[in-house]
Amino acid sequence: MSRGSLYLLDEATRLRVYDQGYAKGYAEACAKGKPEAEAKAYAAIYADNYVLGWAQGKAKEKLETARKMKELKVSIDIIMQVTGLAKEEIEKL
C-alpha cells in the first residue's frame, strides 16, 4: 500500500486519527524522558505514520471485503457501492 491510501480518508477522520497518533507518540516520548520540543517532534512523526498505517489498513479491509463479495458472485456494481472501489480494482481481484 502507498500513501495514496490517505485519499480514502475524509478530513475529519484523518484529523481524529492524527490526534490519536499524536497523543500516543507524545506519551511514548515523555515516558522515555525526552525534552518537550523533542517529544512534540517525535509525536508529529509518530502521528503521520499512525495515520498512514490506519489508512492502509482501511484500504486493505475494503479490498478484502470486495474479494469476498466477488467470491460470493455479488455484482460488481453492488461491490462498488459497498466498498467505494473502482470497477478496475474489483476486476483485478
N, C-alpha and C. Protein backbone atom coordinates (compact mmCIF):
# COMPACT_ATOMS: atom_id res chain seq x y z
N MET A 1 0.84 -1.18 0.00
CA MET A 1 0.00 0.00 0.00
C MET A 1 0.89 1.25 0.00
N SER A 2 0.37 2.30 -0.56
CA SER A 2 1.13 3.53 -0.67
C SER A 2 0.46 4.66 0.11
N ARG A 3 1.06 5.81 0.04
CA ARG A 3 0.46 6.99 0.66
C ARG A 3 -0.84 7.38 0.00
N GLY A 4 -1.13 6.82 -1.17
CA GLY A 4 -2.39 7.06 -1.85
C GLY A 4 -3.58 6.63 -1.00
N SER A 5 -3.34 5.71 -0.07
CA SER A 5 -4.40 5.26 0.83
C SER A 5 -4.95 6.41 1.65
N LEU A 6 -4.15 7.45 1.85
CA LEU A 6 -4.60 8.59 2.64
C LEU A 6 -5.80 9.28 2.00
N TYR A 7 -5.92 9.18 0.68
CA TYR A 7 -7.02 9.83 0.00
C TYR A 7 -8.36 9.17 0.29
N LEU A 8 -8.33 7.99 0.88
CA LEU A 8 -9.56 7.30 1.25
C LEU A 8 -10.20 7.91 2.50
N LEU A 9 -9.44 8.73 3.21
CA LEU A 9 -9.94 9.29 4.46
C LEU A 9 -10.53 10.68 4.24
N ASP A 10 -11.67 10.92 4.85
CA ASP A 10 -12.17 12.29 4.84
C ASP A 10 -11.36 13.08 5.86
N GLU A 11 -11.42 14.39 5.77
CA GLU A 11 -10.58 15.26 6.59
C GLU A 11 -10.84 15.07 8.08
N ALA A 12 -12.10 14.94 8.47
CA ALA A 12 -12.42 14.77 9.89
C ALA A 12 -11.82 13.48 10.45
N THR A 13 -11.91 12.41 9.67
CA THR A 13 -11.33 11.13 10.11
C THR A 13 -9.82 11.23 10.19
N ARG A 14 -9.21 11.84 9.17
CA ARG A 14 -7.75 11.98 9.17
C ARG A 14 -7.28 12.76 10.39
N LEU A 15 -7.98 13.84 10.73
CA LEU A 15 -7.60 14.65 11.88
C LEU A 15 -7.80 13.89 13.19
N ARG A 16 -8.90 13.14 13.28
CA ARG A 16 -9.16 12.36 14.50
C ARG A 16 -8.08 11.31 14.70
N VAL A 17 -7.73 10.60 13.64
CA VAL A 17 -6.70 9.56 13.73
C VAL A 17 -5.33 10.20 14.00
N TYR A 18 -5.07 11.35 13.38
CA TYR A 18 -3.80 12.06 13.63
C TYR A 18 -3.70 12.43 15.12
N ASP A 19 -4.78 12.95 15.66
CA ASP A 19 -4.77 13.34 17.09
C ASP A 19 -4.52 12.14 17.99
N GLN A 20 -5.10 11.00 17.65
CA GLN A 20 -4.87 9.79 18.44
C GLN A 20 -3.40 9.38 18.37
N GLY A 21 -2.84 9.42 17.16
CA GLY A 21 -1.44 9.06 16.98
C GLY A 21 -0.51 10.03 17.68
N TYR A 22 -0.84 11.33 17.61
CA TYR A 22 -0.02 12.34 18.26
C TYR A 22 0.00 12.11 19.76
N ALA A 23 -1.16 11.86 20.34
CA ALA A 23 -1.25 11.62 21.79
C ALA A 23 -0.43 10.40 22.19
N LYS A 24 -0.51 9.33 21.41
CA LYS A 24 0.26 8.13 21.71
C LYS A 24 1.76 8.39 21.58
N GLY A 25 2.14 9.08 20.50
CA GLY A 25 3.55 9.39 20.29
C GLY A 25 4.12 10.29 21.36
N TYR A 26 3.33 11.30 21.76
CA TYR A 26 3.79 12.24 22.80
C TYR A 26 3.94 11.51 24.13
N ALA A 27 2.98 10.67 24.46
CA ALA A 27 3.05 9.92 25.71
C ALA A 27 4.26 8.99 25.72
N GLU A 28 4.51 8.36 24.59
CA GLU A 28 5.65 7.46 24.49
C GLU A 28 6.97 8.22 24.66
N ALA A 29 7.08 9.39 24.00
CA ALA A 29 8.30 10.19 24.10
C ALA A 29 8.51 10.70 25.52
N CYS A 30 7.42 11.14 26.15
CA CYS A 30 7.53 11.62 27.53
C CYS A 30 7.93 10.50 28.48
N ALA A 31 7.41 9.31 28.26
CA ALA A 31 7.76 8.16 29.08
C ALA A 31 9.24 7.82 28.95
N LYS A 32 9.81 8.15 27.81
CA LYS A 32 11.25 7.91 27.59
C LYS A 32 12.10 9.06 28.12
N GLY A 33 11.45 10.08 28.69
CA GLY A 33 12.18 11.20 29.27
C GLY A 33 12.69 12.22 28.28
N LYS A 34 12.09 12.29 27.10
CA LYS A 34 12.52 13.25 26.08
C LYS A 34 12.10 14.67 26.49
N PRO A 35 12.90 15.68 26.16
CA PRO A 35 12.50 17.07 26.41
C PRO A 35 11.24 17.41 25.60
N GLU A 36 10.49 18.42 26.02
CA GLU A 36 9.21 18.73 25.40
C GLU A 36 9.30 18.95 23.89
N ALA A 37 10.25 19.74 23.44
CA ALA A 37 10.38 20.02 22.00
C ALA A 37 10.65 18.74 21.22
N GLU A 38 11.49 17.90 21.76
CA GLU A 38 11.81 16.64 21.10
C GLU A 38 10.59 15.70 21.14
N ALA A 39 9.87 15.73 22.24
CA ALA A 39 8.67 14.89 22.37
C ALA A 39 7.61 15.31 21.36
N LYS A 40 7.47 16.62 21.13
CA LYS A 40 6.49 17.12 20.15
C LYS A 40 6.88 16.72 18.73
N ALA A 41 8.16 16.81 18.42
CA ALA A 41 8.63 16.42 17.09
C ALA A 41 8.43 14.92 16.88
N TYR A 42 8.76 14.14 17.89
CA TYR A 42 8.56 12.69 17.84
C TYR A 42 7.08 12.36 17.64
N ALA A 43 6.23 13.06 18.38
CA ALA A 43 4.78 12.82 18.32
C ALA A 43 4.24 13.14 16.93
N ALA A 44 4.74 14.20 16.29
CA ALA A 44 4.27 14.57 14.96
C ALA A 44 4.64 13.49 13.93
N ILE A 45 5.85 12.99 14.01
CA ILE A 45 6.29 11.93 13.10
C ILE A 45 5.49 10.65 13.38
N TYR A 46 5.32 10.34 14.65
CA TYR A 46 4.55 9.16 15.05
C TYR A 46 3.13 9.27 14.49
N ALA A 47 2.52 10.45 14.63
CA ALA A 47 1.14 10.66 14.18
C ALA A 47 1.01 10.50 12.67
N ASP A 48 1.97 11.04 11.91
CA ASP A 48 1.93 10.88 10.45
C ASP A 48 1.95 9.40 10.07
N ASN A 49 2.83 8.65 10.70
CA ASN A 49 2.93 7.22 10.41
C ASN A 49 1.70 6.45 10.90
N TYR A 50 1.12 6.90 12.00
CA TYR A 50 -0.08 6.29 12.55
C TYR A 50 -1.24 6.45 11.57
N VAL A 51 -1.39 7.65 11.01
CA VAL A 51 -2.45 7.91 10.03
C VAL A 51 -2.22 7.06 8.78
N LEU A 52 -0.99 7.00 8.31
CA LEU A 52 -0.68 6.21 7.12
C LEU A 52 -1.02 4.74 7.35
N GLY A 53 -0.62 4.20 8.47
CA GLY A 53 -0.91 2.80 8.79
C GLY A 53 -2.40 2.54 8.90
N TRP A 54 -3.12 3.48 9.51
CA TRP A 54 -4.57 3.34 9.67
C TRP A 54 -5.24 3.34 8.30
N ALA A 55 -4.83 4.26 7.43
CA ALA A 55 -5.42 4.36 6.09
C ALA A 55 -5.11 3.11 5.27
N GLN A 56 -3.90 2.61 5.38
CA GLN A 56 -3.53 1.40 4.65
C GLN A 56 -4.35 0.20 5.13
N GLY A 57 -4.60 0.15 6.43
CA GLY A 57 -5.43 -0.92 6.98
C GLY A 57 -6.85 -0.85 6.45
N LYS A 58 -7.40 0.35 6.37
CA LYS A 58 -8.75 0.53 5.83
C LYS A 58 -8.81 0.14 4.36
N ALA A 59 -7.79 0.51 3.60
CA ALA A 59 -7.75 0.16 2.17
C ALA A 59 -7.69 -1.36 2.01
N LYS A 60 -6.87 -2.00 2.82
CA LYS A 60 -6.75 -3.46 2.76
C LYS A 60 -8.08 -4.12 3.13
N GLU A 61 -8.75 -3.57 4.11
CA GLU A 61 -10.06 -4.08 4.55
C GLU A 61 -11.09 -4.00 3.41
N LYS A 62 -11.09 -2.88 2.69
CA LYS A 62 -12.02 -2.71 1.56
C LYS A 62 -11.74 -3.74 0.46
N LEU A 63 -10.47 -3.96 0.17
CA LEU A 63 -10.11 -4.94 -0.84
C LEU A 63 -10.53 -6.35 -0.42
N GLU A 64 -10.34 -6.66 0.84
CA GLU A 64 -10.72 -7.99 1.34
C GLU A 64 -12.24 -8.17 1.28
N THR A 65 -12.98 -7.13 1.63
CA THR A 65 -14.44 -7.20 1.54
C THR A 65 -14.87 -7.42 0.09
N ALA A 66 -14.26 -6.69 -0.82
CA ALA A 66 -14.59 -6.83 -2.24
C ALA A 66 -14.26 -8.23 -2.74
N ARG A 67 -13.12 -8.75 -2.32
CA ARG A 67 -12.70 -10.09 -2.75
C ARG A 67 -13.73 -11.13 -2.30
N LYS A 68 -14.16 -11.03 -1.03
CA LYS A 68 -15.15 -11.98 -0.51
C LYS A 68 -16.48 -11.85 -1.23
N MET A 69 -16.90 -10.61 -1.49
CA MET A 69 -18.16 -10.40 -2.21
C MET A 69 -18.08 -10.96 -3.62
N LYS A 70 -16.93 -10.79 -4.25
CA LYS A 70 -16.75 -11.31 -5.61
C LYS A 70 -16.82 -12.83 -5.62
N GLU A 71 -16.24 -13.46 -4.60
CA GLU A 71 -16.30 -14.92 -4.47
C GLU A 71 -17.75 -15.39 -4.31
N LEU A 72 -18.57 -14.56 -3.69
CA LEU A 72 -19.98 -14.89 -3.48
C LEU A 72 -20.85 -14.53 -4.69
N LYS A 73 -20.17 -14.10 -5.76
CA LYS A 73 -20.84 -13.76 -7.02
C LYS A 73 -21.76 -12.54 -6.91
N VAL A 74 -21.42 -11.61 -6.00
CA VAL A 74 -22.15 -10.35 -5.90
C VAL A 74 -21.75 -9.51 -7.11
N SER A 75 -22.71 -8.78 -7.68
CA SER A 75 -22.42 -7.98 -8.88
C SER A 75 -21.38 -6.90 -8.58
N ILE A 76 -20.61 -6.58 -9.58
CA ILE A 76 -19.56 -5.56 -9.43
C ILE A 76 -20.17 -4.22 -9.05
N ASP A 77 -21.34 -3.90 -9.59
CA ASP A 77 -22.00 -2.63 -9.24
C ASP A 77 -22.28 -2.54 -7.74
N ILE A 78 -22.75 -3.63 -7.16
CA ILE A 78 -23.04 -3.66 -5.72
C ILE A 78 -21.73 -3.56 -4.94
N ILE A 79 -20.72 -4.29 -5.37
CA ILE A 79 -19.41 -4.25 -4.68
C ILE A 79 -18.87 -2.82 -4.71
N MET A 80 -19.02 -2.15 -5.84
CA MET A 80 -18.55 -0.76 -5.95
C MET A 80 -19.30 0.13 -4.96
N GLN A 81 -20.61 -0.06 -4.83
CA GLN A 81 -21.40 0.75 -3.91
C GLN A 81 -20.99 0.51 -2.46
N VAL A 82 -20.76 -0.75 -2.11
CA VAL A 82 -20.44 -1.11 -0.73
C VAL A 82 -19.04 -0.67 -0.34
N THR A 83 -18.07 -0.87 -1.23
CA THR A 83 -16.68 -0.63 -0.86
C THR A 83 -16.13 0.73 -1.30
N GLY A 84 -16.76 1.32 -2.32
CA GLY A 84 -16.24 2.57 -2.86
C GLY A 84 -15.07 2.36 -3.80
N LEU A 85 -14.77 1.11 -4.12
CA LEU A 85 -13.66 0.82 -5.03
C LEU A 85 -14.09 1.00 -6.49
N ALA A 86 -13.12 1.25 -7.33
CA ALA A 86 -13.37 1.39 -8.77
C ALA A 86 -13.56 0.01 -9.39
N LYS A 87 -14.28 -0.03 -10.49
CA LYS A 87 -14.55 -1.28 -11.20
C LYS A 87 -13.25 -2.01 -11.54
N GLU A 88 -12.25 -1.26 -12.00
CA GLU A 88 -10.96 -1.85 -12.38
C GLU A 88 -10.28 -2.53 -11.20
N GLU A 89 -10.38 -1.91 -10.02
CA GLU A 89 -9.77 -2.51 -8.83
C GLU A 89 -10.44 -3.84 -8.48
N ILE A 90 -11.74 -3.88 -8.60
CA ILE A 90 -12.50 -5.08 -8.27
C ILE A 90 -12.22 -6.19 -9.28
N GLU A 91 -12.15 -5.83 -10.54
CA GLU A 91 -11.89 -6.82 -11.58
C GLU A 91 -10.52 -7.47 -11.43
N LYS A 92 -9.56 -6.77 -10.84
CA LYS A 92 -8.21 -7.32 -10.64
C LYS A 92 -8.17 -8.38 -9.55
N LEU A 93 -9.18 -8.41 -8.69
CA LEU A 93 -9.17 -9.35 -7.57
C LEU A 93 -9.41 -10.77 -8.01
